[in-house]
PDB file of N, CA and C in Angstrom:
ATOM      1  N   MET A   1     -36.648  12.169   8.703  1.00  0.00           N
ATOM      2  CA  MET A   1     -35.404  12.272   9.425  1.00  0.00           C
ATOM      3  C   MET A   1     -34.645  13.527   9.003  1.00  0.00           C
ATOM      4  N   CYS A   2     -34.612  13.786   7.704  1.00  0.00           N
ATOM      5  CA  CYS A   2     -33.898  14.975   7.223  1.00  0.00           C
ATOM      6  C   CYS A   2     -34.472  16.262   7.803  1.00  0.00           C
ATOM      7  N   ALA A   3     -35.746  16.257   8.122  1.00  0.00           N
ATOM      8  CA  ALA A   3     -36.379  17.438   8.705  1.00  0.00           C
ATOM      9  C   ALA A   3     -35.999  17.607  10.175  1.00  0.00           C
ATOM     10  N   GLY A   4     -35.425  16.556  10.775  1.00  0.00           N
ATOM     11  CA  GLY A   4     -34.991  16.640  12.159  1.00  0.00           C
ATOM     12  C   GLY A   4     -36.119  16.573  13.176  1.00  0.00           C
ATOM     13  N   VAL A   5     -37.220  15.922  12.804  1.00  0.00           N
ATOM     14  CA  VAL A   5     -38.345  15.793  13.740  1.00  0.00           C
ATOM     15  C   VAL A   5     -38.663  14.316  13.970  1.00  0.00           C
ATOM     16  N   PRO A   6     -39.078  13.956  15.185  1.00  0.00           N
ATOM     17  CA  PRO A   6     -39.454  12.562  15.473  1.00  0.00           C
ATOM     18  C   PRO A   6     -40.647  12.123  14.622  1.00  0.00           C
ATOM     19  N   MET A   7     -40.748  10.822  14.414  1.00  0.00           N
ATOM     20  CA  MET A   7     -41.805  10.274  13.566  1.00  0.00           C
ATOM     21  C   MET A   7     -42.726   9.359  14.350  1.00  0.00           C
ATOM     22  N   ILE A   8     -43.948   9.265  13.877  1.00  0.00           N
ATOM     23  CA  ILE A   8     -44.893   8.262  14.358  1.00  0.00           C
ATOM     24  C   ILE A   8     -45.143   7.342  13.172  1.00  0.00           C
ATOM     25  N   THR A   9     -44.973   6.051  13.389  1.00  0.00           N
ATOM     26  CA  THR A   9     -45.081   5.101  12.278  1.00  0.00           C
ATOM     27  C   THR A   9     -46.424   4.383  12.293  1.00  0.00           C
ATOM     28  N   TRP A  10     -46.939   4.132  11.082  1.00  0.00           N
ATOM     29  CA  TRP A  10     -48.181   3.389  10.892  1.00  0.00           C
ATOM     30  C   TRP A  10     -48.006   2.578   9.611  1.00  0.00           C
ATOM     31  N   PRO A  11     -47.262   1.486   9.671  1.00  0.00           N
ATOM     32  CA  PRO A  11     -47.016   0.697   8.470  1.00  0.00           C
ATOM     33  C   PRO A  11     -48.271  -0.044   8.027  1.00  0.00           C
ATOM     34  N   SER A  12     -48.371  -0.299   6.706  1.00  0.00           N
ATOM     35  CA  SER A  12     -49.524  -1.049   6.229  1.00  0.00           C
ATOM     36  C   SER A  12     -49.143  -2.232   5.344  1.00  0.00           C
ATOM     37  N   PHE A  13     -47.990  -2.189   4.651  1.00  0.00           N
ATOM     38  CA  PHE A  13     -47.613  -3.336   3.817  1.00  0.00           C
ATOM     39  C   PHE A  13     -46.135  -3.249   3.439  1.00  0.00           C
ATOM     40  N   ALA A  14     -45.676  -4.312   2.813  1.00  0.00           N
ATOM     41  CA  ALA A  14     -44.330  -4.435   2.236  1.00  0.00           C
ATOM     42  C   ALA A  14     -43.240  -4.077   3.245  1.00  0.00           C
ATOM     43  N   ASP A  15     -42.285  -3.263   2.819  1.00  0.00           N
ATOM     44  CA  ASP A  15     -41.124  -2.974   3.656  1.00  0.00           C
ATOM     45  C   ASP A  15     -41.393  -1.909   4.720  1.00  0.00           C
ATOM     46  N   GLN A  16     -42.621  -1.412   4.795  1.00  0.00           N
ATOM     47  CA  GLN A  16     -42.925  -0.388   5.793  1.00  0.00           C
ATOM     48  C   GLN A  16     -42.700  -0.900   7.218  1.00  0.00           C
ATOM     49  N   PHE A  17     -42.900  -2.198   7.438  1.00  0.00           N
ATOM     50  CA  PHE A  17     -42.673  -2.758   8.774  1.00  0.00           C
ATOM     51  C   PHE A  17     -41.189  -2.781   9.112  1.00  0.00           C
ATOM     52  N   LEU A  18     -40.351  -3.034   8.128  1.00  0.00           N
ATOM     53  CA  LEU A  18     -38.899  -2.978   8.346  1.00  0.00           C
ATOM     54  C   LEU A  18     -38.455  -1.541   8.591  1.00  0.00           C
ATOM     55  N   ASN A  19     -39.015  -0.608   7.842  1.00  0.00           N
ATOM     56  CA  ASN A  19     -38.698   0.803   8.050  1.00  0.00           C
ATOM     57  C   ASN A  19     -39.103   1.239   9.464  1.00  0.00           C
ATOM     58  N   GLU A  20     -40.245   0.741   9.917  1.00  0.00           N
ATOM     59  CA  GLU A  20     -40.688   1.062  11.278  1.00  0.00           C
ATOM     60  C   GLU A  20     -39.683   0.565  12.307  1.00  0.00           C
ATOM     61  N   ARG A  21     -39.198  -0.651  12.138  1.00  0.00           N
ATOM     62  CA  ARG A  21     -38.218  -1.200  13.083  1.00  0.00           C
ATOM     63  C   ARG A  21     -36.954  -0.348  13.098  1.00  0.00           C
ATOM     64  N   LEU A  22     -36.523   0.112  11.925  1.00  0.00           N
ATOM     65  CA  LEU A  22     -35.347   0.978  11.835  1.00  0.00           C
ATOM     66  C   LEU A  22     -35.585   2.287  12.588  1.00  0.00           C
ATOM     67  N   ILE A  23     -36.728   2.899  12.368  1.00  0.00           N
ATOM     68  CA  ILE A  23     -37.046   4.187  12.995  1.00  0.00           C
ATOM     69  C   ILE A  23     -37.257   4.056  14.498  1.00  0.00           C
ATOM     70  N   VAL A  24     -37.999   3.031  14.918  1.00  0.00           N
ATOM     71  CA  VAL A  24     -38.397   2.896  16.324  1.00  0.00           C
ATOM     72  C   VAL A  24     -37.317   2.207  17.165  1.00  0.00           C
ATOM     73  N   ASP A  25     -36.803   1.076  16.685  1.00  0.00           N
ATOM     74  CA  ASP A  25     -35.906   0.256  17.508  1.00  0.00           C
ATOM     75  C   ASP A  25     -34.419   0.515  17.297  1.00  0.00           C
ATOM     76  N   VAL A  26     -34.023   0.790  16.061  1.00  0.00           N
ATOM     77  CA  VAL A  26     -32.597   0.957  15.778  1.00  0.00           C
ATOM     78  C   VAL A  26     -32.170   2.404  15.990  1.00  0.00           C
ATOM     79  N   ALA A  27     -32.751   3.320  15.225  1.00  0.00           N
ATOM     80  CA  ALA A  27     -32.377   4.731  15.344  1.00  0.00           C
ATOM     81  C   ALA A  27     -33.014   5.389  16.574  1.00  0.00           C
ATOM     82  N   ARG A  28     -34.119   4.822  17.050  1.00  0.00           N
ATOM     83  CA  ARG A  28     -34.843   5.343  18.214  1.00  0.00           C
ATOM     84  C   ARG A  28     -35.224   6.820  18.039  1.00  0.00           C
ATOM     85  N   ILE A  29     -35.814   7.107  16.857  1.00  0.00           N
ATOM     86  CA  ILE A  29     -36.229   8.482  16.561  1.00  0.00           C
ATOM     87  C   ILE A  29     -37.730   8.579  16.309  1.00  0.00           C
ATOM     88  N   GLY A  30     -38.464   7.523  16.656  1.00  0.00           N
ATOM     89  CA  GLY A  30     -39.897   7.551  16.437  1.00  0.00           C
ATOM     90  C   GLY A  30     -40.628   6.568  17.315  1.00  0.00           C
ATOM     91  N   LEU A  31     -41.948   6.608  17.211  1.00  0.00           N
ATOM     92  CA  LEU A  31     -42.822   5.722  17.977  1.00  0.00           C
ATOM     93  C   LEU A  31     -43.812   5.052  17.038  1.00  0.00           C
ATOM     94  N   SER A  32     -44.200   3.850  17.391  1.00  0.00           N
ATOM     95  CA  SER A  32     -45.167   3.093  16.607  1.00  0.00           C
ATOM     96  C   SER A  32     -46.582   3.350  17.115  1.00  0.00           C
ATOM     97  N   VAL A  33     -47.530   3.424  16.179  1.00  0.00           N
ATOM     98  CA  VAL A  33     -48.946   3.495  16.554  1.00  0.00           C
ATOM     99  C   VAL A  33     -49.375   2.145  17.117  1.00  0.00           C
ATOM    100  N   GLY A  34     -48.804   1.072  16.584  1.00  0.00           N
ATOM    101  CA  GLY A  34     -49.106  -0.245  17.113  1.00  0.00           C
ATOM    102  C   GLY A  34     -49.615  -1.251  16.109  1.00  0.00           C
ATOM    103  N   VAL A  35     -49.639  -0.922  14.836  1.00  0.00           N
ATOM    104  CA  VAL A  35     -50.081  -1.874  13.812  1.00  0.00           C
ATOM    105  C   VAL A  35     -49.024  -2.966  13.696  1.00  0.00           C
ATOM    106  N   LYS A  36     -49.452  -4.230  13.769  1.00  0.00           N
ATOM    107  CA  LYS A  36     -48.508  -5.348  13.767  1.00  0.00           C
ATOM    108  C   LYS A  36     -48.653  -6.295  12.583  1.00  0.00           C
ATOM    109  N   GLU A  37     -49.743  -6.186  11.819  1.00  0.00           N
ATOM    110  CA  GLU A  37     -50.000  -7.140  10.746  1.00  0.00           C
ATOM    111  C   GLU A  37     -49.870  -6.485   9.380  1.00  0.00           C
ATOM    112  N   PRO A  38     -49.015  -7.040   8.499  1.00  0.00           N
ATOM    113  CA  PRO A  38     -48.906  -6.502   7.144  1.00  0.00           C
ATOM    114  C   PRO A  38     -50.245  -6.563   6.419  1.00  0.00           C
ATOM    115  N   GLY A  39     -50.573  -5.496   5.729  1.00  0.00           N
ATOM    116  CA  GLY A  39     -51.797  -5.442   4.949  1.00  0.00           C
ATOM    117  C   GLY A  39     -53.053  -5.258   5.771  1.00  0.00           C
ATOM    118  N   ALA A  40     -52.924  -5.178   7.079  1.00  0.00           N
ATOM    119  CA  ALA A  40     -54.101  -5.125   7.941  1.00  0.00           C
ATOM    120  C   ALA A  40     -55.003  -3.945   7.607  1.00  0.00           C
ATOM    121  N   TRP A  41     -54.458  -2.780   7.529  1.00  0.00           N
ATOM    122  CA  TRP A  41     -55.274  -1.596   7.294  1.00  0.00           C
ATOM    123  C   TRP A  41     -55.838  -1.603   5.884  1.00  0.00           C
ATOM    124  N   THR A  42     -54.988  -1.874   4.889  1.00  0.00           N
ATOM    125  CA  THR A  42     -55.440  -1.794   3.502  1.00  0.00           C
ATOM    126  C   THR A  42     -56.402  -2.906   3.148  1.00  0.00           C
ATOM    127  N   MET A  43     -56.228  -4.111   3.699  1.00  0.00           N
ATOM    128  CA  MET A  43     -57.052  -5.244   3.312  1.00  0.00           C
ATOM    129  C   MET A  43     -58.374  -5.310   4.061  1.00  0.00           C
ATOM    130  N   ASP A  44     -58.446  -4.789   5.264  1.00  0.00           N
ATOM    131  CA  ASP A  44     -59.654  -4.958   6.067  1.00  0.00           C
ATOM    132  C   ASP A  44     -60.481  -3.685   6.247  1.00  0.00           C
ATOM    133  N   VAL A  45     -60.171  -2.663   5.485  1.00  0.00           N
ATOM    134  CA  VAL A  45     -60.928  -1.425   5.599  1.00  0.00           C
ATOM    135  C   VAL A  45     -62.398  -1.657   5.239  1.00  0.00           C
ATOM    136  N   LEU A  46     -62.654  -2.489   4.253  1.00  0.00           N
ATOM    137  CA  LEU A  46     -64.039  -2.763   3.859  1.00  0.00           C
ATOM    138  C   LEU A  46     -64.803  -3.536   4.920  1.00  0.00           C
ATOM    139  N   ASN A  47     -64.104  -4.328   5.709  1.00  0.00           N
ATOM    140  CA  ASN A  47     -64.737  -5.099   6.774  1.00  0.00           C
ATOM    141  C   ASN A  47     -64.859  -4.294   8.072  1.00  0.00           C
ATOM    142  N   GLN A  48     -64.431  -3.046   8.033  1.00  0.00           N
ATOM    143  CA  GLN A  48     -64.479  -2.166   9.197  1.00  0.00           C
ATOM    144  C   GLN A  48     -63.661  -2.695  10.371  1.00  0.00           C
ATOM    145  N   HIS A  49     -62.660  -3.500  10.089  1.00  0.00           N
ATOM    146  CA  HIS A  49     -61.785  -3.988  11.147  1.00  0.00           C
ATOM    147  C   HIS A  49     -60.629  -3.016  11.300  1.00  0.00           C
ATOM    148  N   ILE A  50     -60.522  -2.419  12.459  1.00  0.00           N
ATOM    149  CA  ILE A  50     -59.517  -1.381  12.683  1.00  0.00           C
ATOM    150  C   ILE A  50     -58.366  -1.963  13.493  1.00  0.00           C
ATOM    151  N   PHE A  51     -57.150  -1.781  12.982  1.00  0.00           N
ATOM    152  CA  PHE A  51     -55.972  -2.345  13.621  1.00  0.00           C
ATOM    153  C   PHE A  51     -55.232  -1.333  14.486  1.00  0.00           C
ATOM    154  N   ALA A  52     -55.557  -0.083  14.363  1.00  0.00           N
ATOM    155  CA  ALA A  52     -55.048   0.960  15.252  1.00  0.00           C
ATOM    156  C   ALA A  52     -56.209   1.916  15.475  1.00  0.00           C
ATOM    157  N   ASN A  53     -56.440   2.247  16.719  1.00  0.00           N
ATOM    158  CA  ASN A  53     -57.586   3.105  16.998  1.00  0.00           C
ATOM    159  C   ASN A  53     -57.129   4.481  17.476  1.00  0.00           C
ATOM    160  N   LYS A  54     -58.104   5.349  17.736  1.00  0.00           N
ATOM    161  CA  LYS A  54     -57.765   6.723  18.106  1.00  0.00           C
ATOM    162  C   LYS A  54     -57.003   6.799  19.432  1.00  0.00           C
ATOM    163  N   VAL A  55     -57.231   5.852  20.318  1.00  0.00           N
ATOM    164  CA  VAL A  55     -56.502   5.843  21.583  1.00  0.00           C
ATOM    165  C   VAL A  55     -55.015   5.582  21.336  1.00  0.00           C
ATOM    166  N   GLN A  56     -54.716   4.640  20.439  1.00  0.00           N
ATOM    167  CA  GLN A  56     -53.322   4.342  20.108  1.00  0.00           C
ATOM    168  C   GLN A  56     -52.655   5.528  19.418  1.00  0.00           C
ATOM    169  N   VAL A  57     -53.372   6.167  18.522  1.00  0.00           N
ATOM    170  CA  VAL A  57     -52.821   7.330  17.823  1.00  0.00           C
ATOM    171  C   VAL A  57     -52.577   8.460  18.813  1.00  0.00           C
ATOM    172  N   GLU A  58     -53.548   8.713  19.680  1.00  0.00           N
ATOM    173  CA  GLU A  58     -53.388   9.770  20.682  1.00  0.00           C
ATOM    174  C   GLU A  58     -52.201   9.485  21.587  1.00  0.00           C
ATOM    175  N   ARG A  59     -52.044   8.233  22.010  1.00  0.00           N
ATOM    176  CA  ARG A  59     -50.928   7.858  22.876  1.00  0.00           C
ATOM    177  C   ARG A  59     -49.588   8.124  22.182  1.00  0.00           C
ATOM    178  N   ALA A  60     -49.493   7.748  20.922  1.00  0.00           N
ATOM    179  CA  ALA A  60     -48.252   7.962  20.174  1.00  0.00           C
ATOM    180  C   ALA A  60     -47.942   9.450  20.037  1.00  0.00           C
ATOM    181  N   VAL A  61     -48.960  10.253  19.717  1.00  0.00           N
ATOM    182  CA  VAL A  61     -48.751  11.696  19.564  1.00  0.00           C
ATOM    183  C   VAL A  61     -48.334  12.316  20.896  1.00  0.00           C
ATOM    184  N   ARG A  62     -49.022  11.939  21.965  1.00  0.00           N
ATOM    185  CA  ARG A  62     -48.658  12.486  23.283  1.00  0.00           C
ATOM    186  C   ARG A  62     -47.228  12.098  23.672  1.00  0.00           C
ATOM    187  N   ASN A  63     -46.848  10.853  23.399  1.00  0.00           N
ATOM    188  CA  ASN A  63     -45.504  10.400  23.742  1.00  0.00           C
ATOM    189  C   ASN A  63     -44.430  11.106  22.922  1.00  0.00           C
ATOM    190  N   VAL A  64     -44.703  11.346  21.647  1.00  0.00           N
ATOM    191  CA  VAL A  64     -43.700  12.003  20.812  1.00  0.00           C
ATOM    192  C   VAL A  64     -43.588  13.488  21.171  1.00  0.00           C
ATOM    193  N   MET A  65     -44.684  14.082  21.668  1.00  0.00           N
ATOM    194  CA  MET A  65     -44.686  15.494  22.055  1.00  0.00           C
ATOM    195  C   MET A  65     -44.303  15.708  23.520  1.00  0.00           C
ATOM    196  N   ASP A  66     -44.140  14.640  24.262  1.00  0.00           N
ATOM    197  CA  ASP A  66     -43.853  14.687  25.692  1.00  0.00           C
ATOM    198  C   ASP A  66     -42.594  15.496  25.982  1.00  0.00           C
ATOM    199  N   GLU A  67     -42.520  16.044  27.166  1.00  0.00           N
ATOM    200  CA  GLU A  67     -41.349  16.807  27.601  1.00  0.00           C
ATOM    201  C   GLU A  67     -40.405  15.979  28.454  1.00  0.00           C
ATOM    202  N   GLY A  68     -40.662  14.685  28.566  1.00  0.00           N
ATOM    203  CA  GLY A  68     -39.833  13.825  29.403  1.00  0.00           C
ATOM    204  C   GLY A  68     -38.450  13.578  28.822  1.00  0.00           C
ATOM    205  N   GLU A  69     -37.639  12.898  29.614  1.00  0.00           N
ATOM    206  CA  GLU A  69     -36.248  12.632  29.244  1.00  0.00           C
ATOM    207  C   GLU A  69     -36.146  11.778  27.981  1.00  0.00           C
ATOM    208  N   GLU A  70     -36.974  10.738  27.878  1.00  0.00           N
ATOM    209  CA  GLU A  70     -36.943   9.862  26.710  1.00  0.00           C
ATOM    210  C   GLU A  70     -37.310  10.626  25.436  1.00  0.00           C
ATOM    211  N   ALA A  71     -38.323  11.465  25.515  1.00  0.00           N
ATOM    212  CA  ALA A  71     -38.742  12.255  24.347  1.00  0.00           C
ATOM    213  C   ALA A  71     -37.663  13.258  23.967  1.00  0.00           C
ATOM    214  N   GLU A  72     -37.028  13.844  24.949  1.00  0.00           N
ATOM    215  CA  GLU A  72     -35.949  14.806  24.682  1.00  0.00           C
ATOM    216  C   GLU A  72     -34.767  14.116  24.005  1.00  0.00           C
ATOM    217  N   GLU A  73     -34.421  12.924  24.464  1.00  0.00           N
ATOM    218  CA  GLU A  73     -33.343  12.160  23.833  1.00  0.00           C
ATOM    219  C   GLU A  73     -33.703  11.821  22.389  1.00  0.00           C
ATOM    220  N   ARG A  74     -34.955  11.439  22.148  1.00  0.00           N
ATOM    221  CA  ARG A  74     -35.421  11.131  20.798  1.00  0.00           C
ATOM    222  C   ARG A  74     -35.274  12.356  19.897  1.00  0.00           C
ATOM    223  N   ARG A  75     -35.703  13.531  20.389  1.00  0.00           N
ATOM    224  CA  ARG A  75     -35.597  14.761  19.599  1.00  0.00           C
ATOM    225  C   ARG A  75     -34.137  15.111  19.313  1.00  0.00           C
ATOM    226  N   ASN A  76     -33.258  14.924  20.287  1.00  0.00           N
ATOM    227  CA  ASN A  76     -31.836  15.210  20.078  1.00  0.00           C
ATOM    228  C   ASN A  76     -31.235  14.267  19.038  1.00  0.00           C
ATOM    229  N   ARG A  77     -31.590  12.975  19.119  1.00  0.00           N
ATOM    230  CA  ARG A  77     -31.071  11.999  18.150  1.00  0.00           C
ATOM    231  C   ARG A  77     -31.523  12.333  16.738  1.00  0.00           C
ATOM    232  N   VAL A  78     -32.800  12.616  16.569  1.00  0.00           N
ATOM    233  CA  VAL A  78     -33.305  12.883  15.220  1.00  0.00           C
ATOM    234  C   VAL A  78     -32.740  14.193  14.682  1.00  0.00           C
ATOM    235  N   LYS A  79     -32.523  15.165  15.527  1.00  0.00           N
ATOM    236  CA  LYS A  79     -31.921  16.428  15.083  1.00  0.00           C
ATOM    237  C   LYS A  79     -30.499  16.169  14.584  1.00  0.00           C
ATOM    238  N   GLU A  80     -29.726  15.386  15.333  1.00  0.00           N
ATOM    239  CA  GLU A  80     -28.354  15.050  14.945  1.00  0.00           C
ATOM    240  C   GLU A  80     -28.327  14.241  13.642  1.00  0.00           C
ATOM    241  N   LEU A  81     -29.210  13.242  13.539  1.00  0.00           N
ATOM    242  CA  LEU A  81     -29.262  12.436  12.314  1.00  0.00           C
ATOM    243  C   LEU A  81     -29.719  13.266  11.116  1.00  0.00           C
ATOM    244  N   GLY A  82     -30.628  14.191  11.334  1.00  0.00           N
ATOM    245  CA  GLY A  82     -31.081  15.078  10.267  1.00  0.00           C
ATOM    246  C   GLY A  82     -29.945  15.944   9.744  1.00  0.00           C
ATOM    247  N   GLU A  83     -29.131  16.464  10.654  1.00  0.00           N
ATOM    248  CA  GLU A  83     -27.973  17.268  10.249  1.00  0.00           C
ATOM    249  C   GLU A  83     -26.991  16.431   9.442  1.00  0.00           C
ATOM    250  N   LYS A  84     -26.739  15.196   9.884  1.00  0.00           N
ATOM    251  CA  LYS A  84     -25.827  14.309   9.160  1.00  0.00           C
ATOM    252  C   LYS A  84     -26.372  13.968   7.777  1.00  0.00           C
ATOM    253  N   ALA A  85     -27.673  13.744   7.677  1.00  0.00           N
ATOM    254  CA  ALA A  85     -28.285  13.432   6.386  1.00  0.00           C
ATOM    255  C   ALA A  85     -28.175  14.621   5.435  1.00  0.00           C
ATOM    256  N   ARG A  86     -28.415  15.823   5.939  1.00  0.00           N
ATOM    257  CA  ARG A  86     -28.300  17.005   5.079  1.00  0.00           C
ATOM    258  C   ARG A  86     -26.855  17.211   4.633  1.00  0.00           C
ATOM    259  N   GLU A  87     -25.888  16.990   5.516  1.00  0.00           N
ATOM    260  CA  GLU A  87     -24.472  17.103   5.154  1.00  0.00           C
ATOM    261  C   GLU A  87     -24.105  16.085   4.069  1.00  0.00           C
ATOM    262  N   ALA A  88     -24.650  14.884   4.167  1.00  0.00           N
ATOM    263  CA  ALA A  88     -24.346  13.840   3.182  1.00  0.00           C
ATOM    264  C   ALA A  88     -24.863  14.222   1.797  1.00  0.00           C
ATOM    265  N   MET A  89     -25.922  15.031   1.738  1.00  0.00           N
ATOM    266  CA  MET A  89     -26.500  15.411   0.451  1.00  0.00           C
ATOM    267  C   MET A  89     -25.857  16.657  -0.144  1.00  0.00           C
ATOM    268  N   GLU A  90     -25.074  17.381   0.655  1.00  0.00           N
ATOM    269  CA  GLU A  90     -24.403  18.566   0.142  1.00  0.00           C
ATOM    270  C   GLU A  90     -23.219  18.169  -0.729  1.00  0.00           C
ATOM    271  N   GLU A  91     -22.778  19.101  -1.565  1.00  0.00           N
ATOM    272  CA  GLU A  91     -21.622  18.833  -2.414  1.00  0.00           C
ATOM    273  C   GLU A  91     -20.439  18.413  -1.537  1.00  0.00           C
ATOM    274  N   GLY A  92     -19.835  17.286  -1.892  1.00  0.00           N
ATOM    275  CA  GLY A  92     -18.738  16.735  -1.106  1.00  0.00           C
ATOM    276  C   GLY A  92     -19.184  15.691  -0.103  1.00  0.00           C
ATOM    277  N   GLY A  93     -20.478  15.582   0.118  1.00  0.00           N
ATOM    278  CA  GLY A  93     -21.013  14.593   1.046  1.00  0.00           C
ATOM    279  C   GLY A  93     -21.095  13.218   0.402  1.00  0.00           C
ATOM    280  N   SER A  94     -21.274  12.185   1.231  1.00  0.00           N
ATOM    281  CA  SER A  94     -21.276  10.810   0.729  1.00  0.00           C
ATOM    282  C   SER A  94     -22.439  10.529  -0.222  1.00  0.00           C
ATOM    283  N   SER A  95     -23.627  10.989   0.085  1.00  0.00           N
ATOM    284  CA  SER A  95     -24.776  10.762  -0.801  1.00  0.00           C
ATOM    285  C   SER A  95     -24.607  11.525  -2.107  1.00  0.00           C
ATOM    286  N   TYR A  96     -24.090  12.719  -2.013  1.00  0.00           N
ATOM    287  CA  TYR A  96     -23.827  13.518  -3.211  1.00  0.00           C
ATOM    288  C   TYR A  96     -22.825  12.801  -4.103  1.00  0.00           C
ATOM    289  N   ALA A  97     -21.747  12.299  -3.509  1.00  0.00           N
ATOM    290  CA  ALA A  97     -20.711  11.588  -4.270  1.00  0.00           C
ATOM    291  C   ALA A  97     -21.260  10.306  -4.887  1.00  0.00           C
ATOM    292  N   ASN A  98     -22.061   9.566  -4.139  1.00  0.00           N
ATOM    293  CA  ASN A  98     -22.642   8.330  -4.665  1.00  0.00           C
ATOM    294  C   ASN A  98     -23.585   8.605  -5.833  1.00  0.00           C
ATOM    295  N   MET A  99     -24.411   9.621  -5.724  1.00  0.00           N
ATOM    296  CA  MET A  99     -25.338   9.954  -6.803  1.00  0.00           C
ATOM    297  C   MET A  99     -24.564  10.444  -8.025  1.00  0.00           C
ATOM    298  N   THR A 100     -23.543  11.248  -7.812  1.00  0.00           N
ATOM    299  CA  THR A 100     -22.709  11.722  -8.922  1.00  0.00           C
ATOM    300  C   THR A 100     -22.060  10.547  -9.631  1.00  0.00           C
ATOM    301  N   GLY A 101     -21.525   9.593  -8.868  1.00  0.00           N
ATOM    302  CA  GLY A 101     -20.910   8.401  -9.451  1.00  0.00           C
ATOM    303  C   GLY A 101     -21.904   7.577 -10.248  1.00  0.00           C
ATOM    304  N   LEU A 102     -23.121   7.437  -9.738  1.00  0.00           N
ATOM    305  CA  LEU A 102     -24.158   6.689 -10.441  1.00  0.00           C
ATOM    306  C   LEU A 102     -24.501   7.360 -11.773  1.00  0.00           C
ATOM    307  N   ILE A 103     -24.666   8.670 -11.747  1.00  0.00           N
ATOM    308  CA  ILE A 103     -24.974   9.418 -12.972  1.00  0.00           C
ATOM    309  C   ILE A 103     -23.832   9.275 -13.981  1.00  0.00           C
ATOM    310  N   GLN A 104     -22.608   9.352 -13.500  1.00  0.00           N
ATOM    311  CA  GLN A 104     -21.459   9.204 -14.401  1.00  0.00           C
ATOM    312  C   GLN A 104     -21.419   7.808 -15.017  1.00  0.00           C
ATOM    313  N   GLN A 105     -21.720   6.788 -14.240  1.00  0.00           N
ATOM    314  CA  GLN A 105     -21.735   5.422 -14.771  1.00  0.00           C
ATOM    315  C   GLN A 105     -22.776   5.273 -15.871  1.00  0.00           C
ATOM    316  N   PHE A 106     -23.963   5.800 -15.651  1.00  0.00           N
ATOM    317  CA  PHE A 106     -25.013   5.722 -16.666  1.00  0.00           C
ATOM    318  C   PHE A 106     -24.641   6.538 -17.899  1.00  0.00           C
ATOM    319  N   SER A 107     -24.017   7.685 -17.694  1.00  0.00           N
ATOM    320  CA  SER A 107     -23.606   8.522 -18.818  1.00  0.00           C
ATOM    321  C   SER A 107     -22.570   7.805 -19.663  1.00  0.00           C
ATOM    322  N   LEU A 108     -21.583   7.184 -19.024  1.00  0.00           N
ATOM    323  CA  LEU A 108     -20.546   6.451 -19.757  1.00  0.00           C
ATOM    324  C   LEU A 108     -21.144   5.289 -20.528  1.00  0.00           C
ATOM    325  N   LYS A 109     -22.036   4.541 -19.884  1.00  0.00           N
ATOM    326  CA  LYS A 109     -22.664   3.392 -20.542  1.00  0.00           C
ATOM    327  C   LYS A 109     -23.511   3.853 -21.714  1.00  0.00           C
ATOM    328  N   HIS A 110     -24.261   4.933 -21.522  1.00  0.00           N
ATOM    329  CA  HIS A 110     -25.114   5.453 -22.591  1.00  0.00           C
ATOM    330  C   HIS A 110     -24.257   5.924 -23.768  1.00  0.00           C
ATOM    331  N   ASN A 111     -23.171   6.640 -23.487  1.00  0.00           N
ATOM    332  CA  ASN A 111     -22.300   7.128 -24.558  1.00  0.00           C
ATOM    333  C   ASN A 111     -21.678   5.991 -25.336  1.00  0.00           C
ATOM    334  N   LYS A 112     -21.276   4.905 -24.672  1.00  0.00           N
ATOM    335  CA  LYS A 112     -20.706   3.754 -25.361  1.00  0.00           C
ATOM    336  C   LYS A 112     -21.743   3.095 -26.252  1.00  0.00           C
ATOM    337  N   ASN A 113     -22.985   3.002 -25.770  1.00  0.00           N
ATOM    338  CA  ASN A 113     -24.066   2.412 -26.575  1.00  0.00           C
ATOM    339  C   ASN A 113     -24.372   3.267 -27.796  1.00  0.00           C
ATOM    340  N   VAL A 114     -24.358   4.583 -27.652  1.00  0.00           N
ATOM    341  CA  VAL A 114     -24.654   5.484 -28.758  1.00  0.00           C
ATOM    342  C   VAL A 114     -23.527   5.407 -29.793  1.00  0.00           C
ATOM    343  N   GLU A 115     -22.266   5.354 -29.331  1.00  0.00           N
ATOM    344  CA  GLU A 115     -21.131   5.278 -30.243  1.00  0.00           C
ATOM    345  C   GLU A 115     -21.120   3.979 -31.030  1.00  0.00           C
ATOM    346  N   GLY A 116     -21.640   2.907 -30.458  1.00  0.00           N
ATOM    347  CA  GLY A 116     -21.632   1.604 -31.111  1.00  0.00           C
ATOM    348  C   GLY A 116     -22.705   1.433 -32.164  1.00  0.00           C
ATOM    349  N   ILE A 117     -23.627   2.394 -32.282  1.00  0.00           N
ATOM    350  CA  ILE A 117     -24.741   2.271 -33.228  1.00  0.00           C
ATOM    351  C   ILE A 117     -24.291   2.623 -34.623  1.00  0.00           C
TER     352      ILE A 117
END
């Protein structure tokens, strides 16, 4: 997202399926290859069971590269979100402030522990 480019998702386990829903359905900045079962790719590779095939991958790539209205809207959304994410990480941004606060909290706690020894 920070790079400002649409994504194609291929989740395989854990929270990757939730991340896919965020990218595809909520933010609408990406497309799914079509994998629907957690662990499907990682667990069944030895059995040669394929949960996404080259046709699905090709379809996702073509759709994300498409020049249509939906693809253009997706590119505009991800570009805007990427700019907002980069601003949040700059000095004075929300992510910058949150990380600074976290570091300060750990520093204060560490200093109190060292002083108490």
